[in-house]
Amino acid sequence: MDGDLGDFLRSRRARIQPEEVGLPSHGRRRVPGLRREEVAQLAGVSVDYYIRLEQGRGPSVSDAVLGAVARVLRLDDTEQAYLHAVARPRKQAGRPAAPRVRAGVQSLLDSMERTPAFVLDQRMDVLAWNALADAVFGYGRTGPAGRSIPRHVFLDPASHDFYPDWSAVAVQCVAHLRMLAGHHQDDRRLTALVGELSLKSDHFRRLWADHPVRECAYGVKRIRHPVAGLLTFPYETLAVAADADQNLLVYTPDAGSETEERLRLLASWKATPVQTSS
């Protein structure tokens, strides 16, 4: 995605004030935060070299230089990994148009009878799920667009009711998608997804321009289910070792919690056969 490196670096130097790193502010500034010249000085590189880096003209940039820039801009581990990915993009082998989840992974999903679980790909598309995830999220009752988490969050008005903390979920979704986009810059479908969301959602477009980068490996998510009511899920994200672009998400309610009881009732309701009149 053209311009990602420069936009990312500009967004990160804008959040650091000169006085925070021991530099005089010299009164009013035309740009917020650090100037390019100041980042170059603090990182120990020439101004021309840093400018070329921001312009995406530094494909041979070393780990040492990227590390110095990351230190100056106070990047966390996830942001540093993103910086390396967008500064030195690698051509990746072509992937099948329709990624498949191995039978063993589906069996693992199906064995999780008390926890909703599903598999995501590098575009945040849900590829496979178990019965309880279907009961909570309805993946079996929707088409591919409905199984795209970014599309659901930003293009489906019902998501605002489904996620009581919608604003936080939206930021988290964009931050994770931005991280994925940095590591999969040659993925045309991912680029098209970002373009679609930017065109159709003003909120997505504003968040994307802020360049949040975060890996959503674990946390807590609240869901307002139309039948079960409010559900609170701690979740964990696990990599599928044999499929580098797939991750297993498991939503595990706290033992003895109201969510666990509501989930049990939801599972029973889902399993009850529908009676038809003869």
Protein backbone atom coordinates (compact mmCIF):
# COMPACT_ATOMS: atom_id res chain seq x y z
CA MET A 1 0.00 0.00 0.00
CA ASP A 2 1.77 3.10 -1.31
CA GLY A 3 2.71 5.73 1.26
CA ASP A 4 2.25 3.50 4.32
CA LEU A 5 5.84 3.84 5.50
CA GLY A 6 5.98 7.63 5.23
CA ASP A 7 2.52 8.11 6.72
CA PHE A 8 3.38 5.78 9.61
CA LEU A 9 6.66 7.57 10.42
CA ARG A 10 5.04 10.99 10.21
CA SER A 11 2.23 9.92 12.52
CA ARG A 12 4.72 8.61 15.08
CA ARG A 13 7.03 11.61 15.10
CA ALA A 14 3.99 13.89 15.39
CA ARG A 15 3.17 12.45 18.81
CA ILE A 16 6.60 13.26 20.35
CA GLN A 17 7.34 16.81 21.48
CA PRO A 18 10.91 18.16 21.13
CA GLU A 19 11.24 18.91 24.83
CA GLU A 20 10.49 15.24 25.59
CA VAL A 21 13.77 14.27 23.94
CA GLY A 22 15.83 17.20 25.14
CA LEU A 23 15.47 19.46 22.09
CA PRO A 24 14.38 23.12 22.13
CA SER A 25 10.92 23.70 20.68
CA HIS A 26 11.83 27.08 19.08
CA GLY A 27 8.33 28.42 19.64
CA ARG A 28 5.60 27.83 17.10
CA ARG A 29 6.11 24.93 14.66
CA ARG A 30 4.62 24.27 11.24
CA VAL A 31 4.27 20.55 11.99
CA PRO A 32 3.33 18.81 15.24
CA GLY A 33 5.97 16.83 17.08
CA LEU A 34 9.47 16.19 15.79
CA ARG A 35 10.80 17.41 12.46
CA ARG A 36 12.46 14.97 10.08
CA GLU A 37 15.80 16.67 10.71
CA GLU A 38 15.43 16.07 14.44
CA VAL A 39 14.57 12.40 14.03
CA ALA A 40 17.62 12.00 11.79
CA GLN A 41 19.85 13.73 14.34
CA LEU A 42 18.60 11.63 17.24
CA ALA A 43 18.85 8.39 15.21
CA GLY A 44 22.39 9.17 14.07
CA VAL A 45 21.70 9.21 10.33
CA SER A 46 21.91 11.93 7.71
CA VAL A 47 18.83 14.05 7.02
CA ASP A 48 18.87 12.96 3.36
CA TYR A 49 18.95 9.30 4.37
CA TYR A 50 15.98 9.70 6.71
CA ILE A 51 13.99 11.66 4.11
CA ARG A 52 14.57 8.88 1.59
CA LEU A 53 13.40 6.39 4.22
CA GLU A 54 10.14 8.31 4.77
CA GLN A 55 9.65 8.48 1.02
CA GLY A 56 10.00 4.73 0.72
CA ARG A 57 13.28 4.96 -1.19
CA GLY A 58 15.36 3.00 1.32
CA PRO A 59 14.81 -0.71 0.52
CA SER A 60 18.30 -1.62 1.78
CA VAL A 61 17.86 0.07 5.16
CA SER A 62 19.65 -1.87 7.90
CA ASP A 63 18.28 -3.34 11.11
CA ALA A 64 20.50 -0.91 13.01
CA VAL A 65 18.95 2.14 11.35
CA LEU A 66 15.41 0.85 11.79
CA GLY A 67 16.21 0.08 15.42
CA ALA A 68 17.54 3.59 15.97
CA VAL A 69 14.47 5.19 14.36
CA ALA A 70 12.20 2.94 16.43
CA ARG A 71 14.02 4.00 19.60
CA VAL A 72 13.69 7.70 18.78
CA LEU A 73 9.98 7.34 17.94
CA ARG A 74 9.37 5.16 21.00
CA LEU A 75 7.75 2.34 19.06
CA ASP A 76 6.49 -0.68 20.95
CA ASP A 77 7.26 -4.25 19.84
CA THR A 78 4.26 -4.49 17.50
CA GLU A 79 5.00 -1.10 15.92
CA GLN A 80 8.66 -2.07 15.44
CA ALA A 81 7.64 -5.27 13.65
CA TYR A 82 5.30 -3.20 11.47
CA LEU A 83 8.09 -0.72 10.69
CA HIS A 84 10.39 -3.54 9.53
CA ALA A 85 7.60 -5.03 7.40
CA VAL A 86 6.69 -1.83 5.55
CA ALA A 87 10.30 -0.60 5.24
CA ARG A 88 11.46 -3.87 3.66
CA PRO A 89 8.45 -5.49 2.01
CA ARG A 90 9.00 -9.04 0.89
CA LYS A 91 7.34 -10.72 -2.03
CA GLN A 92 5.36 -13.64 -0.73
CA ALA A 93 4.31 -16.80 -2.50
CA GLY A 94 0.86 -16.73 -4.02
CA ARG A 95 -1.93 -18.05 -1.85
CA PRO A 96 -5.00 -20.00 -2.96
CA ALA A 97 -8.02 -17.84 -3.71
CA ALA A 98 -10.05 -19.65 -1.05
CA PRO A 99 -7.94 -20.58 1.99
CA ARG A 100 -8.95 -23.89 3.50
CA VAL A 101 -8.90 -24.96 7.12
CA ARG A 102 -7.40 -28.38 7.65
CA ALA A 103 -9.72 -31.15 8.83
CA GLY A 104 -7.68 -31.53 12.01
CA VAL A 105 -8.23 -27.88 12.90
CA GLN A 106 -11.97 -28.22 12.28
CA SER A 107 -12.01 -31.30 14.53
CA LEU A 108 -10.29 -29.25 17.21
CA LEU A 109 -12.94 -26.54 16.86
CA ASP A 110 -15.74 -29.08 17.10
CA SER A 111 -14.25 -30.58 20.25
CA MET A 112 -14.60 -27.22 22.04
CA GLU A 113 -18.18 -27.69 23.18
CA ARG A 114 -18.21 -25.05 25.92
CA THR A 115 -16.37 -22.20 24.22
CA PRO A 116 -17.07 -20.29 21.00
CA ALA A 117 -14.05 -20.64 18.72
CA PHE A 118 -13.26 -19.79 15.11
CA VAL A 119 -10.38 -19.43 12.64
CA LEU A 120 -9.40 -16.10 11.05
CA ASP A 121 -7.17 -15.48 8.03
CA GLN A 122 -4.88 -12.51 7.28
CA ARG A 123 -7.86 -10.44 6.08
CA MET A 124 -9.84 -11.06 9.29
CA ASP A 125 -12.25 -13.32 7.42
CA VAL A 126 -13.78 -16.13 9.47
CA LEU A 127 -12.85 -19.37 7.70
CA ALA A 128 -14.25 -21.97 10.11
CA TRP A 129 -16.13 -22.09 13.41
CA ASN A 130 -17.68 -24.43 15.94
CA ALA A 131 -21.34 -24.81 16.91
CA LEU A 132 -21.17 -22.41 19.84
CA ALA A 133 -19.50 -19.70 17.74
CA ASP A 134 -22.33 -20.13 15.26
CA ALA A 135 -24.84 -19.73 18.08
CA VAL A 136 -23.18 -16.51 19.26
CA PHE A 137 -22.11 -14.91 15.97
CA GLY A 138 -24.37 -16.58 13.41
CA TYR A 139 -21.58 -17.39 10.94
CA GLY A 140 -23.52 -20.30 9.47
CA ARG A 141 -26.46 -18.04 8.60
CA THR A 142 -24.61 -15.39 6.63
CA GLY A 143 -22.61 -15.08 3.44
CA PRO A 144 -18.88 -14.34 3.08
CA ALA A 145 -19.36 -10.60 3.60
CA GLY A 146 -21.01 -11.29 6.95
CA ARG A 147 -18.02 -13.38 7.98
CA SER A 148 -15.61 -10.49 7.40
CA ILE A 149 -15.05 -8.92 10.81
CA PRO A 150 -14.01 -5.49 9.44
CA ARG A 151 -17.04 -5.36 7.14
CA HIS A 152 -19.34 -6.39 10.00
CA VAL A 153 -17.91 -3.76 12.36
CA PHE A 154 -17.93 -0.83 9.92
CA LEU A 155 -20.61 -1.60 7.33
CA ASP A 156 -23.31 -3.39 9.33
CA PRO A 157 -25.37 -0.96 11.47
CA ALA A 158 -26.36 -3.86 13.73
CA SER A 159 -22.77 -4.10 14.95
CA HIS A 160 -23.29 -1.01 17.11
CA ASP A 161 -25.85 -2.92 19.17
CA PHE A 162 -23.97 -6.21 19.00
CA TYR A 163 -20.83 -4.64 20.51
CA PRO A 164 -21.70 -2.44 23.54
CA ASP A 165 -18.14 -1.07 23.36
CA TRP A 166 -18.32 -0.45 19.61
CA SER A 167 -15.89 2.47 19.52
CA ALA A 168 -13.16 0.47 21.26
CA VAL A 169 -13.86 -2.54 19.02
CA ALA A 170 -13.58 -0.32 15.94
CA VAL A 171 -10.17 1.03 16.98
CA GLN A 172 -8.97 -2.48 17.82
CA CYS A 173 -10.18 -3.81 14.48
CA VAL A 174 -8.38 -1.10 12.48
CA ALA A 175 -5.18 -1.47 14.52
CA HIS A 176 -5.08 -5.22 13.92
CA LEU A 177 -5.96 -4.86 10.23
CA ARG A 178 -3.23 -2.23 9.83
CA MET A 179 -0.70 -4.65 11.34
CA LEU A 180 -1.82 -7.41 8.98
CA ALA A 181 -1.67 -5.08 5.97
CA GLY A 182 1.93 -4.20 6.81
CA HIS A 183 2.94 -7.86 6.72
CA HIS A 184 0.90 -8.69 3.59
CA GLN A 185 1.48 -5.75 1.28
CA ASP A 186 1.17 -7.92 -1.84
CA ASP A 187 -2.30 -9.21 -0.89
CA ARG A 188 -4.61 -7.60 -3.44
CA ARG A 189 -7.78 -8.73 -1.69
CA LEU A 190 -6.60 -7.14 1.54
CA THR A 191 -5.76 -3.91 -0.30
CA ALA A 192 -9.21 -3.99 -1.90
CA LEU A 193 -10.83 -4.50 1.51
CA VAL A 194 -9.09 -1.42 2.90
CA GLY A 195 -10.16 0.56 -0.15
CA GLU A 196 -13.78 -0.59 0.18
CA LEU A 197 -13.96 0.29 3.86
CA SER A 198 -12.29 3.67 3.29
CA LEU A 199 -14.85 4.48 0.61
CA LYS A 200 -17.92 3.32 2.51
CA SER A 201 -17.10 4.28 6.11
CA ASP A 202 -15.98 7.73 7.22
CA HIS A 203 -15.18 6.31 10.66
CA PHE A 204 -12.90 3.66 9.22
CA ARG A 205 -11.17 6.20 7.00
CA ARG A 206 -10.41 8.49 9.95
CA LEU A 207 -9.09 5.65 12.09
CA TRP A 208 -6.99 4.23 9.26
CA ALA A 209 -5.37 7.65 8.70
CA ASP A 210 -4.24 7.67 12.35
CA HIS A 211 -2.09 4.56 11.69
CA PRO A 212 -2.92 2.58 14.84
CA VAL A 213 -0.93 -0.68 14.92
CA ARG A 214 -1.73 -3.37 17.46
CA GLU A 215 -1.77 -7.14 17.62
CA CYS A 216 -4.97 -8.33 19.30
CA ALA A 217 -3.55 -11.45 20.91
CA TYR A 218 -5.81 -11.47 23.96
CA GLY A 219 -8.29 -9.34 25.87
CA VAL A 220 -11.92 -9.12 26.90
CA LYS A 221 -14.84 -8.50 24.58
CA ARG A 222 -18.48 -7.79 25.42
CA ILE A 223 -21.29 -8.91 23.13
CA ARG A 224 -25.01 -8.18 23.37
CA HIS A 225 -26.67 -11.31 21.98
CA PRO A 226 -30.30 -10.95 20.84
CA VAL A 227 -31.32 -14.12 22.73
CA ALA A 228 -28.73 -14.66 25.49
CA GLY A 229 -28.27 -11.01 26.46
CA LEU A 230 -24.97 -9.47 27.52
CA LEU A 231 -21.98 -11.84 27.26
CA THR A 232 -18.48 -11.03 28.52
CA PHE A 233 -15.66 -13.08 27.02
CA PRO A 234 -11.96 -13.17 27.82
CA TYR A 235 -10.35 -14.32 24.55
CA GLU A 236 -7.02 -15.73 23.39
CA THR A 237 -5.55 -15.84 19.88
CA LEU A 238 -3.47 -18.87 18.95
CA ALA A 239 -1.43 -19.31 15.77
CA VAL A 240 -2.18 -22.33 13.58
CA ALA A 241 1.40 -23.58 13.24
CA ALA A 242 1.07 -25.28 9.84
CA ASP A 243 -0.85 -22.36 8.30
CA ALA A 244 1.02 -19.13 8.93
CA ASP A 245 -1.87 -16.86 7.90
CA GLN A 246 -4.48 -18.51 10.12
CA ASN A 247 -5.23 -17.87 13.78
CA LEU A 248 -7.55 -19.63 16.19
CA LEU A 249 -9.64 -17.36 18.42
CA VAL A 250 -11.14 -18.87 21.55
CA TYR A 251 -13.71 -17.04 23.69
CA THR A 252 -13.68 -18.53 27.19
CA PRO A 253 -16.15 -17.23 29.80
CA ASP A 254 -14.98 -17.08 33.41
CA ALA A 255 -15.94 -20.16 35.40
CA GLY A 256 -19.17 -19.66 37.34
CA SER A 257 -19.95 -16.38 35.58
CA GLU A 258 -23.32 -15.24 34.31
CA THR A 259 -21.91 -15.46 30.79
CA GLU A 260 -21.03 -19.13 31.29
CA GLU A 261 -24.61 -19.87 32.39
CA ARG A 262 -26.12 -17.89 29.53
CA LEU A 263 -23.83 -19.63 27.08
CA ARG A 264 -24.91 -23.02 28.40
CA LEU A 265 -28.56 -22.07 27.91
CA LEU A 266 -27.82 -20.76 24.42
CA ALA A 267 -26.11 -24.03 23.50
CA SER A 268 -29.12 -25.99 24.76
CA TRP A 269 -31.51 -23.77 22.84
CA LYS A 270 -29.41 -24.15 19.69
CA ALA A 271 -29.42 -27.94 20.05
CA THR A 272 -33.19 -28.22 20.58
CA PRO A 273 -34.90 -29.53 17.41
CA VAL A 274 -37.54 -27.26 15.91
CA GLN A 275 -41.00 -28.85 16.14
CA THR A 276 -43.08 -28.64 13.00
CA SER A 277 -46.80 -29.24 12.72
CA SER A 278 -47.85 -32.29 10.74
